[in-house]
Amino acid sequence: MSDTRHMIRVQQFRPCADWLVLEPDAVEEVRETEGGLMLPDSARPRMVPRTGTVLAVGPDVKRTVSGERVIFSAYAGTEIEMAGRTVRAMQDCHIIAGID
């Protein structure tokens, strides 16, 4: 995703069909090299969340349940601001695996 992405703001969310909403885990940003050199913003790798917790599922979702921790495709879904936090809506097919 680019830095100019658009954010949708909602208060409550009820996914339709095979869509689900999840809260991605926070990703730690790399600020320095293993040798201790500080990296400028332009040289920092962009870390993308790939794990999260499912908050809600649509009626046609068969493989995933609310509360489950999952691994999902890195750039899947749409970012949504909901009740002051950023969540993602995506189709069930973008869930790669559940996490025990």
PDB file of N, CA and C in Angstrom:
ATOM      1  N   MET A   1       0.828  -1.180   0.000  1.00  0.00           N
ATOM      2  CA  MET A   1       0.000   0.000   0.000  1.00  0.00           C
ATOM      3  C   MET A   1       0.867   1.237   0.000  1.00  0.00           C
ATOM      4  N   SER A   2       0.387   2.263  -0.592  1.00  0.00           N
ATOM      5  CA  SER A   2       1.145   3.502  -0.617  1.00  0.00           C
ATOM      6  C   SER A   2       0.841   4.325   0.622  1.00  0.00           C
ATOM      7  N   ASP A   3       1.623   5.379   0.841  1.00  0.00           N
ATOM      8  CA  ASP A   3       1.418   6.248   1.997  1.00  0.00           C
ATOM      9  C   ASP A   3       0.202   7.132   1.835  1.00  0.00           C
ATOM     10  N   THR A   4      -0.402   7.162   0.658  1.00  0.00           N
ATOM     11  CA  THR A   4      -1.568   8.009   0.409  1.00  0.00           C
ATOM     12  C   THR A   4      -2.865   7.205   0.456  1.00  0.00           C
ATOM     13  N   ARG A   5      -2.862   6.093   1.180  1.00  0.00           N
ATOM     14  CA  ARG A   5      -4.059   5.254   1.263  1.00  0.00           C
ATOM     15  C   ARG A   5      -5.200   6.011   1.947  1.00  0.00           C
ATOM     16  N   HIS A   6      -6.407   5.614   1.631  1.00  0.00           N
ATOM     17  CA  HIS A   6      -7.587   6.237   2.219  1.00  0.00           C
ATOM     18  C   HIS A   6      -8.100   5.362   3.346  1.00  0.00           C
ATOM     19  N   MET A   7      -8.565   5.989   4.408  1.00  0.00           N
ATOM     20  CA  MET A   7      -9.048   5.277   5.569  1.00  0.00           C
ATOM     21  C   MET A   7     -10.552   5.483   5.676  1.00  0.00           C
ATOM     22  N   ILE A   8     -11.294   4.401   5.835  1.00  0.00           N
ATOM     23  CA  ILE A   8     -12.739   4.461   6.034  1.00  0.00           C
ATOM     24  C   ILE A   8     -12.976   4.471   7.535  1.00  0.00           C
ATOM     25  N   ARG A   9     -13.857   5.341   8.031  1.00  0.00           N
ATOM     26  CA  ARG A   9     -14.126   5.411   9.469  1.00  0.00           C
ATOM     27  C   ARG A   9     -15.542   4.917   9.751  1.00  0.00           C
ATOM     28  N   VAL A  10     -15.651   3.913  10.638  1.00  0.00           N
ATOM     29  CA  VAL A  10     -16.952   3.365  11.013  1.00  0.00           C
ATOM     30  C   VAL A  10     -17.002   3.146  12.517  1.00  0.00           C
ATOM     31  N   GLN A  11     -18.188   3.054  13.083  1.00  0.00           N
ATOM     32  CA  GLN A  11     -18.353   2.788  14.507  1.00  0.00           C
ATOM     33  C   GLN A  11     -18.567   1.299  14.760  1.00  0.00           C
ATOM     34  N   GLN A  12     -19.419   0.665  13.978  1.00  0.00           N
ATOM     35  CA  GLN A  12     -19.663  -0.766  14.110  1.00  0.00           C
ATOM     36  C   GLN A  12     -19.544  -1.398  12.733  1.00  0.00           C
ATOM     37  N   PHE A  13     -19.227  -2.674  12.715  1.00  0.00           N
ATOM     38  CA  PHE A  13     -18.964  -3.335  11.446  1.00  0.00           C
ATOM     39  C   PHE A  13     -19.563  -4.728  11.480  1.00  0.00           C
ATOM     40  N   ARG A  14     -20.353  -5.075  10.469  1.00  0.00           N
ATOM     41  CA  ARG A  14     -20.938  -6.400  10.344  1.00  0.00           C
ATOM     42  C   ARG A  14     -20.601  -6.893   8.938  1.00  0.00           C
ATOM     43  N   PRO A  15     -19.587  -7.754   8.797  1.00  0.00           N
ATOM     44  CA  PRO A  15     -19.164  -8.205   7.468  1.00  0.00           C
ATOM     45  C   PRO A  15     -20.259  -9.002   6.749  1.00  0.00           C
ATOM     46  N   CYS A  16     -20.274  -8.906   5.451  1.00  0.00           N
ATOM     47  CA  CYS A  16     -21.222  -9.633   4.604  1.00  0.00           C
ATOM     48  C   CYS A  16     -20.516 -10.809   3.929  1.00  0.00           C
ATOM     49  N   ALA A  17     -21.313 -11.760   3.504  1.00  0.00           N
ATOM     50  CA  ALA A  17     -20.864 -12.910   2.708  1.00  0.00           C
ATOM     51  C   ALA A  17     -19.617 -13.567   3.305  1.00  0.00           C
ATOM     52  N   ASP A  18     -18.541 -13.682   2.503  1.00  0.00           N
ATOM     53  CA  ASP A  18     -17.334 -14.375   2.970  1.00  0.00           C
ATOM     54  C   ASP A  18     -16.250 -13.394   3.423  1.00  0.00           C
ATOM     55  N   TRP A  19     -16.663 -12.224   3.896  1.00  0.00           N
ATOM     56  CA  TRP A  19     -15.726 -11.214   4.394  1.00  0.00           C
ATOM     57  C   TRP A  19     -15.585 -11.335   5.899  1.00  0.00           C
ATOM     58  N   LEU A  20     -14.429 -10.896   6.405  1.00  0.00           N
ATOM     59  CA  LEU A  20     -14.190 -10.870   7.839  1.00  0.00           C
ATOM     60  C   LEU A  20     -13.421  -9.604   8.196  1.00  0.00           C
ATOM     61  N   VAL A  21     -13.439  -9.250   9.472  1.00  0.00           N
ATOM     62  CA  VAL A  21     -12.709  -8.096   9.976  1.00  0.00           C
ATOM     63  C   VAL A  21     -11.709  -8.604  10.992  1.00  0.00           C
ATOM     64  N   LEU A  22     -10.453  -8.144  10.884  1.00  0.00           N
ATOM     65  CA  LEU A  22      -9.451  -8.552  11.853  1.00  0.00           C
ATOM     66  C   LEU A  22      -8.613  -7.364  12.281  1.00  0.00           C
ATOM     67  N   GLU A  23      -8.017  -7.488  13.454  1.00  0.00           N
ATOM     68  CA  GLU A  23      -7.110  -6.457  13.961  1.00  0.00           C
ATOM     69  C   GLU A  23      -5.693  -6.973  13.775  1.00  0.00           C
ATOM     70  N   PRO A  24      -4.922  -6.332  12.876  1.00  0.00           N
ATOM     71  CA  PRO A  24      -3.547  -6.773  12.654  1.00  0.00           C
ATOM     72  C   PRO A  24      -2.685  -6.544  13.892  1.00  0.00           C
ATOM     73  N   ASP A  25      -1.707  -7.423  14.100  1.00  0.00           N
ATOM     74  CA  ASP A  25      -0.749  -7.241  15.179  1.00  0.00           C
ATOM     75  C   ASP A  25       0.158  -6.056  14.855  1.00  0.00           C
ATOM     76  N   ALA A  26       0.668  -5.411  15.880  1.00  0.00           N
ATOM     77  CA  ALA A  26       1.618  -4.311  15.694  1.00  0.00           C
ATOM     78  C   ALA A  26       2.920  -4.885  15.139  1.00  0.00           C
ATOM     79  N   VAL A  27       3.581  -4.112  14.300  1.00  0.00           N
ATOM     80  CA  VAL A  27       4.838  -4.536  13.701  1.00  0.00           C
ATOM     81  C   VAL A  27       5.940  -3.614  14.214  1.00  0.00           C
ATOM     82  N   GLU A  28       7.007  -4.219  14.687  1.00  0.00           N
ATOM     83  CA  GLU A  28       8.125  -3.431  15.202  1.00  0.00           C
ATOM     84  C   GLU A  28       8.925  -2.853  14.044  1.00  0.00           C
ATOM     85  N   GLU A  29       9.146  -1.563  14.078  1.00  0.00           N
ATOM     86  CA  GLU A  29       9.867  -0.872  13.013  1.00  0.00           C
ATOM     87  C   GLU A  29      11.371  -0.989  13.249  1.00  0.00           C
ATOM     88  N   VAL A  30      12.123  -1.261  12.171  1.00  0.00           N
ATOM     89  CA  VAL A  30      13.573  -1.359  12.258  1.00  0.00           C
ATOM     90  C   VAL A  30      14.141   0.054  12.197  1.00  0.00           C
ATOM     91  N   ARG A  31      14.826   0.486  13.258  1.00  0.00           N
ATOM     92  CA  ARG A  31      15.373   1.844  13.320  1.00  0.00           C
ATOM     93  C   ARG A  31      16.893   1.863  13.217  1.00  0.00           C
ATOM     94  N   GLU A  32      17.532   0.725  13.481  1.00  0.00           N
ATOM     95  CA  GLU A  32      18.992   0.681  13.380  1.00  0.00           C
ATOM     96  C   GLU A  32      19.428  -0.699  12.919  1.00  0.00           C
ATOM     97  N   THR A  33      20.646  -0.763  12.391  1.00  0.00           N
ATOM     98  CA  THR A  33      21.194  -2.026  11.911  1.00  0.00           C
ATOM     99  C   THR A  33      21.679  -2.849  13.095  1.00  0.00           C
ATOM    100  N   GLU A  34      22.011  -4.099  12.854  1.00  0.00           N
ATOM    101  CA  GLU A  34      22.542  -4.956  13.918  1.00  0.00           C
ATOM    102  C   GLU A  34      23.853  -4.401  14.457  1.00  0.00           C
ATOM    103  N   GLY A  35      24.574  -3.645  13.633  1.00  0.00           N
ATOM    104  CA  GLY A  35      25.842  -3.042  14.044  1.00  0.00           C
ATOM    105  C   GLY A  35      25.666  -1.745  14.812  1.00  0.00           C
ATOM    106  N   GLY A  36      24.409  -1.263  14.923  1.00  0.00           N
ATOM    107  CA  GLY A  36      24.144  -0.064  15.703  1.00  0.00           C
ATOM    108  C   GLY A  36      24.004   1.216  14.910  1.00  0.00           C
ATOM    109  N   LEU A  37      24.073   1.166  13.581  1.00  0.00           N
ATOM    110  CA  LEU A  37      23.914   2.373  12.763  1.00  0.00           C
ATOM    111  C   LEU A  37      22.437   2.757  12.679  1.00  0.00           C
ATOM    112  N   MET A  38      22.128   4.018  12.935  1.00  0.00           N
ATOM    113  CA  MET A  38      20.754   4.516  12.831  1.00  0.00           C
ATOM    114  C   MET A  38      20.376   4.660  11.358  1.00  0.00           C
ATOM    115  N   LEU A  39      19.190   4.182  11.003  1.00  0.00           N
ATOM    116  CA  LEU A  39      18.719   4.264   9.622  1.00  0.00           C
ATOM    117  C   LEU A  39      17.824   5.484   9.446  1.00  0.00           C
ATOM    118  N   PRO A  40      18.038   6.263   8.373  1.00  0.00           N
ATOM    119  CA  PRO A  40      17.119   7.366   8.092  1.00  0.00           C
ATOM    120  C   PRO A  40      15.779   6.804   7.620  1.00  0.00           C
ATOM    121  N   ASP A  41      14.723   7.603   7.694  1.00  0.00           N
ATOM    122  CA  ASP A  41      13.382   7.147   7.295  1.00  0.00           C
ATOM    123  C   ASP A  41      13.370   6.542   5.901  1.00  0.00           C
ATOM    124  N   SER A  42      14.111   7.146   4.982  1.00  0.00           N
ATOM    125  CA  SER A  42      14.096   6.674   3.593  1.00  0.00           C
ATOM    126  C   SER A  42      14.751   5.310   3.420  1.00  0.00           C
ATOM    127  N   ALA A  43      15.583   4.885   4.360  1.00  0.00           N
ATOM    128  CA  ALA A  43      16.287   3.608   4.234  1.00  0.00           C
ATOM    129  C   ALA A  43      15.664   2.495   5.064  1.00  0.00           C
ATOM    130  N   ARG A  44      14.647   2.817   5.861  1.00  0.00           N
ATOM    131  CA  ARG A  44      14.023   1.806   6.712  1.00  0.00           C
ATOM    132  C   ARG A  44      13.132   0.885   5.893  1.00  0.00           C
ATOM    133  N   PRO A  45      13.229  -0.403   6.139  1.00  0.00           N
ATOM    134  CA  PRO A  45      12.327  -1.326   5.431  1.00  0.00           C
ATOM    135  C   PRO A  45      10.900  -1.156   5.929  1.00  0.00           C
ATOM    136  N   ARG A  46       9.953  -1.239   5.020  1.00  0.00           N
ATOM    137  CA  ARG A  46       8.543  -1.122   5.403  1.00  0.00           C
ATOM    138  C   ARG A  46       8.055  -2.483   5.849  1.00  0.00           C
ATOM    139  N   MET A  47       7.694  -2.579   7.116  1.00  0.00           N
ATOM    140  CA  MET A  47       7.214  -3.834   7.661  1.00  0.00           C
ATOM    141  C   MET A  47       5.693  -3.868   7.533  1.00  0.00           C
ATOM    142  N   VAL A  48       5.175  -4.965   7.065  1.00  0.00           N
ATOM    143  CA  VAL A  48       3.742  -5.113   6.843  1.00  0.00           C
ATOM    144  C   VAL A  48       3.222  -6.207   7.769  1.00  0.00           C
ATOM    145  N   PRO A  49       2.137  -5.923   8.535  1.00  0.00           N
ATOM    146  CA  PRO A  49       1.611  -6.972   9.412  1.00  0.00           C
ATOM    147  C   PRO A  49       1.082  -8.158   8.609  1.00  0.00           C
ATOM    148  N   ARG A  50       1.316  -9.350   9.128  1.00  0.00           N
ATOM    149  CA  ARG A  50       0.839 -10.569   8.456  1.00  0.00           C
ATOM    150  C   ARG A  50       0.094 -11.485   9.417  1.00  0.00           C
ATOM    151  N   THR A  51      -0.051 -11.058  10.663  1.00  0.00           N
ATOM    152  CA  THR A  51      -0.797 -11.842  11.646  1.00  0.00           C
ATOM    153  C   THR A  51      -1.790 -10.925  12.350  1.00  0.00           C
ATOM    154  N   GLY A  52      -2.844 -11.509  12.898  1.00  0.00           N
ATOM    155  CA  GLY A  52      -3.819 -10.704  13.606  1.00  0.00           C
ATOM    156  C   GLY A  52      -4.894 -11.561  14.244  1.00  0.00           C
ATOM    157  N   THR A  53      -5.862 -10.883  14.860  1.00  0.00           N
ATOM    158  CA  THR A  53      -6.968 -11.546  15.546  1.00  0.00           C
ATOM    159  C   THR A  53      -8.275 -11.204  14.846  1.00  0.00           C
ATOM    160  N   VAL A  54      -9.052 -12.216  14.522  1.00  0.00           N
ATOM    161  CA  VAL A  54     -10.337 -12.024  13.846  1.00  0.00           C
ATOM    162  C   VAL A  54     -11.338 -11.421  14.831  1.00  0.00           C
ATOM    163  N   LEU A  55     -11.985 -10.320  14.424  1.00  0.00           N
ATOM    164  CA  LEU A  55     -12.968  -9.645  15.274  1.00  0.00           C
ATOM    165  C   LEU A  55     -14.402 -10.019  14.918  1.00  0.00           C
ATOM    166  N   ALA A  56     -14.679 -10.189  13.628  1.00  0.00           N
ATOM    167  CA  ALA A  56     -16.037 -10.513  13.172  1.00  0.00           C
ATOM    168  C   ALA A  56     -15.956 -11.252  11.846  1.00  0.00           C
ATOM    169  N   VAL A  57     -16.914 -12.152  11.613  1.00  0.00           N
ATOM    170  CA  VAL A  57     -16.953 -12.910  10.355  1.00  0.00           C
ATOM    171  C   VAL A  57     -18.336 -12.795   9.731  1.00  0.00           C
ATOM    172  N   GLY A  58     -18.375 -12.840   8.406  1.00  0.00           N
ATOM    173  CA  GLY A  58     -19.636 -12.826   7.677  1.00  0.00           C
ATOM    174  C   GLY A  58     -20.299 -14.194   7.719  1.00  0.00           C
ATOM    175  N   PRO A  59     -21.558 -14.278   7.287  1.00  0.00           N
ATOM    176  CA  PRO A  59     -22.314 -15.523   7.380  1.00  0.00           C
ATOM    177  C   PRO A  59     -21.801 -16.662   6.499  1.00  0.00           C
ATOM    178  N   ASP A  60     -21.046 -16.355   5.446  1.00  0.00           N
ATOM    179  CA  ASP A  60     -20.553 -17.395   4.547  1.00  0.00           C
ATOM    180  C   ASP A  60     -19.126 -17.845   4.854  1.00  0.00           C
ATOM    181  N   VAL A  61     -18.510 -17.305   5.897  1.00  0.00           N
ATOM    182  CA  VAL A  61     -17.151 -17.705   6.263  1.00  0.00           C
ATOM    183  C   VAL A  61     -17.217 -19.076   6.927  1.00  0.00           C
ATOM    184  N   LYS A  62     -16.452 -20.025   6.386  1.00  0.00           N
ATOM    185  CA  LYS A  62     -16.501 -21.411   6.877  1.00  0.00           C
ATOM    186  C   LYS A  62     -15.238 -21.822   7.633  1.00  0.00           C
ATOM    187  N   ARG A  63     -14.097 -21.182   7.350  1.00  0.00           N
ATOM    188  CA  ARG A  63     -12.825 -21.654   7.895  1.00  0.00           C
ATOM    189  C   ARG A  63     -12.336 -20.894   9.112  1.00  0.00           C
ATOM    190  N   THR A  64     -12.922 -19.767   9.426  1.00  0.00           N
ATOM    191  CA  THR A  64     -12.395 -18.883  10.460  1.00  0.00           C
ATOM    192  C   THR A  64     -13.504 -18.487  11.423  1.00  0.00           C
ATOM    193  N   VAL A  65     -13.157 -18.298  12.708  1.00  0.00           N
ATOM    194  CA  VAL A  65     -14.140 -17.880  13.709  1.00  0.00           C
ATOM    195  C   VAL A  65     -13.629 -16.631  14.433  1.00  0.00           C
ATOM    196  N   SER A  66     -14.543 -15.873  15.017  1.00  0.00           N
ATOM    197  CA  SER A  66     -14.168 -14.692  15.792  1.00  0.00           C
ATOM    198  C   SER A  66     -13.262 -15.089  16.942  1.00  0.00           C
ATOM    199  N   GLY A  67     -12.252 -14.272  17.195  1.00  0.00           N
ATOM    200  CA  GLY A  67     -11.308 -14.528  18.273  1.00  0.00           C
ATOM    201  C   GLY A  67     -10.105 -15.353  17.861  1.00  0.00           C
ATOM    202  N   GLU A  68     -10.132 -15.949  16.675  1.00  0.00           N
ATOM    203  CA  GLU A  68      -9.027 -16.791  16.214  1.00  0.00           C
ATOM    204  C   GLU A  68      -7.844 -15.929  15.767  1.00  0.00           C
ATOM    205  N   ARG A  69      -6.620 -16.388  16.091  1.00  0.00           N
ATOM    206  CA  ARG A  69      -5.405 -15.732  15.602  1.00  0.00           C
ATOM    207  C   ARG A  69      -5.053 -16.361  14.267  1.00  0.00           C
ATOM    208  N   VAL A  70      -4.717 -15.526  13.274  1.00  0.00           N
ATOM    209  CA  VAL A  70      -4.491 -16.019  11.922  1.00  0.00           C
ATOM    210  C   VAL A  70      -3.281 -15.362  11.273  1.00  0.00           C
ATOM    211  N   ILE A  71      -2.811 -15.995  10.203  1.00  0.00           N
ATOM    212  CA  ILE A  71      -1.813 -15.428   9.297  1.00  0.00           C
ATOM    213  C   ILE A  71      -2.566 -15.111   8.013  1.00  0.00           C
ATOM    214  N   PHE A  72      -2.350 -13.917   7.454  1.00  0.00           N
ATOM    215  CA  PHE A  72      -3.053 -13.520   6.238  1.00  0.00           C
ATOM    216  C   PHE A  72      -2.090 -12.947   5.206  1.00  0.00           C
ATOM    217  N   SER A  73      -2.536 -12.837   3.973  1.00  0.00           N
ATOM    218  CA  SER A  73      -1.726 -12.261   2.901  1.00  0.00           C
ATOM    219  C   SER A  73      -1.357 -10.822   3.255  1.00  0.00           C
ATOM    220  N   ALA A  74      -0.107 -10.447   3.027  1.00  0.00           N
ATOM    221  CA  ALA A  74       0.431  -9.168   3.486  1.00  0.00           C
ATOM    222  C   ALA A  74      -0.365  -7.947   3.037  1.00  0.00           C
ATOM    223  N   TYR A  75      -0.768  -7.879   1.802  1.00  0.00           N
ATOM    224  CA  TYR A  75      -1.435  -6.678   1.295  1.00  0.00           C
ATOM    225  C   TYR A  75      -2.924  -6.898   1.040  1.00  0.00           C
ATOM    226  N   ALA A  76      -3.498  -7.909   1.671  1.00  0.00           N
ATOM    227  CA  ALA A  76      -4.914  -8.229   1.475  1.00  0.00           C
ATOM    228  C   ALA A  76      -5.808  -7.263   2.236  1.00  0.00           C
ATOM    229  N   GLY A  77      -6.985  -7.043   1.703  1.00  0.00           N
ATOM    230  CA  GLY A  77      -8.010  -6.313   2.426  1.00  0.00           C
ATOM    231  C   GLY A  77      -7.947  -4.799   2.331  1.00  0.00           C
ATOM    232  N   THR A  78      -8.836  -4.181   3.098  1.00  0.00           N
ATOM    233  CA  THR A  78      -8.979  -2.736   3.153  1.00  0.00           C
ATOM    234  C   THR A  78      -8.843  -2.283   4.593  1.00  0.00           C
ATOM    235  N   GLU A  79      -7.997  -1.264   4.820  1.00  0.00           N
ATOM    236  CA  GLU A  79      -7.840  -0.743   6.170  1.00  0.00           C
ATOM    237  C   GLU A  79      -9.035   0.128   6.534  1.00  0.00           C
ATOM    238  N   ILE A  80      -9.514  -0.039   7.761  1.00  0.00           N
ATOM    239  CA  ILE A  80     -10.685   0.688   8.241  1.00  0.00           C
ATOM    240  C   ILE A  80     -10.377   1.189   9.644  1.00  0.00           C
ATOM    241  N   GLU A  81     -10.727   2.438   9.927  1.00  0.00           N
ATOM    242  CA  GLU A  81     -10.583   2.954  11.281  1.00  0.00           C
ATOM    243  C   GLU A  81     -11.903   2.721  11.996  1.00  0.00           C
ATOM    244  N   MET A  82     -11.859   1.939  13.088  1.00  0.00           N
ATOM    245  CA  MET A  82     -13.069   1.575  13.805  1.00  0.00           C
ATOM    246  C   MET A  82     -12.855   1.797  15.298  1.00  0.00           C
ATOM    247  N   ALA A  83     -13.629   2.693  15.868  1.00  0.00           N
ATOM    248  CA  ALA A  83     -13.560   2.995  17.310  1.00  0.00           C
ATOM    249  C   ALA A  83     -12.144   3.350  17.736  1.00  0.00           C
ATOM    250  N   GLY A  84     -11.451   4.137  16.922  1.00  0.00           N
ATOM    251  CA  GLY A  84     -10.119   4.606  17.276  1.00  0.00           C
ATOM    252  C   GLY A  84      -8.979   3.649  17.010  1.00  0.00           C
ATOM    253  N   ARG A  85      -9.243   2.512  16.401  1.00  0.00           N
ATOM    254  CA  ARG A  85      -8.170   1.584  16.065  1.00  0.00           C
ATOM    255  C   ARG A  85      -8.278   1.181  14.610  1.00  0.00           C
ATOM    256  N   THR A  86      -7.167   0.771  14.035  1.00  0.00           N
ATOM    257  CA  THR A  86      -7.136   0.379  12.630  1.00  0.00           C
ATOM    258  C   THR A  86      -7.334  -1.120  12.520  1.00  0.00           C
ATOM    259  N   VAL A  87      -8.338  -1.511  11.720  1.00  0.00           N
ATOM    260  CA  VAL A  87      -8.623  -2.918  11.468  1.00  0.00           C
ATOM    261  C   VAL A  87      -8.589  -3.147   9.964  1.00  0.00           C
ATOM    262  N   ARG A  88      -8.684  -4.400   9.552  1.00  0.00           N
ATOM    263  CA  ARG A  88      -8.715  -4.737   8.126  1.00  0.00           C
ATOM    264  C   ARG A  88      -9.911  -5.600   7.815  1.00  0.00           C
ATOM    265  N   ALA A  89     -10.574  -5.296   6.711  1.00  0.00           N
ATOM    266  CA  ALA A  89     -11.642  -6.148   6.188  1.00  0.00           C
ATOM    267  C   ALA A  89     -11.062  -6.890   4.989  1.00  0.00           C
ATOM    268  N   MET A  90     -11.280  -8.199   4.945  1.00  0.00           N
ATOM    269  CA  MET A  90     -10.774  -8.995   3.817  1.00  0.00           C
ATOM    270  C   MET A  90     -11.634 -10.227   3.629  1.00  0.00           C
ATOM    271  N   GLN A  91     -11.500 -10.843   2.485  1.00  0.00           N
ATOM    272  CA  GLN A  91     -12.228 -12.068   2.215  1.00  0.00           C
ATOM    273  C   GLN A  91     -11.541 -13.245   2.906  1.00  0.00           C
ATOM    274  N   ASP A  92     -12.326 -14.239   3.235  1.00  0.00           N
ATOM    275  CA  ASP A  92     -11.840 -15.423   3.932  1.00  0.00           C
ATOM    276  C   ASP A  92     -10.705 -16.122   3.175  1.00  0.00           C
ATOM    277  N   CYS A  93     -10.720 -16.035   1.853  1.00  0.00           N
ATOM    278  CA  CYS A  93      -9.694 -16.724   1.047  1.00  0.00           C
ATOM    279  C   CYS A  93      -8.295 -16.151   1.262  1.00  0.00           C
ATOM    280  N   HIS A  94      -8.165 -14.960   1.868  1.00  0.00           N
ATOM    281  CA  HIS A  94      -6.871 -14.363   2.119  1.00  0.00           C
ATOM    282  C   HIS A  94      -6.257 -14.819   3.443  1.00  0.00           C
ATOM    283  N   ILE A  95      -6.992 -15.628   4.206  1.00  0.00           N
ATOM    284  CA  ILE A  95      -6.442 -16.202   5.434  1.00  0.00           C
ATOM    285  C   ILE A  95      -5.620 -17.422   5.030  1.00  0.00           C
ATOM    286  N   ILE A  96      -4.361 -17.415   5.415  1.00  0.00           N
ATOM    287  CA  ILE A  96      -3.446 -18.495   5.031  1.00  0.00           C
ATOM    288  C   ILE A  96      -3.515 -19.644   6.027  1.00  0.00           C
ATOM    289  N   ALA A  97      -3.541 -19.310   7.336  1.00  0.00           N
ATOM    290  CA  ALA A  97      -3.534 -20.360   8.358  1.00  0.00           C
ATOM    291  C   ALA A  97      -3.974 -19.798   9.694  1.00  0.00           C
ATOM    292  N   GLY A  98      -4.466 -20.683  10.559  1.00  0.00           N
ATOM    293  CA  GLY A  98      -4.748 -20.320  11.931  1.00  0.00           C
ATOM    294  C   GLY A  98      -3.489 -20.499  12.760  1.00  0.00           C
ATOM    295  N   ILE A  99      -3.395 -19.762  13.882  1.00  0.00           N
ATOM    296  CA  ILE A  99      -2.230 -19.866  14.767  1.00  0.00           C
ATOM    297  C   ILE A  99      -2.705 -20.452  16.090  1.00  0.00           C
ATOM    298  N   ASP A 100      -2.032 -21.515  16.544  1.00  0.00           N
ATOM    299  CA  ASP A 100      -2.375 -22.127  17.844  1.00  0.00           C
ATOM    300  C   ASP A 100      -1.685 -21.395  18.961  1.00  0.00           C
TER     301      ASP A 100
END
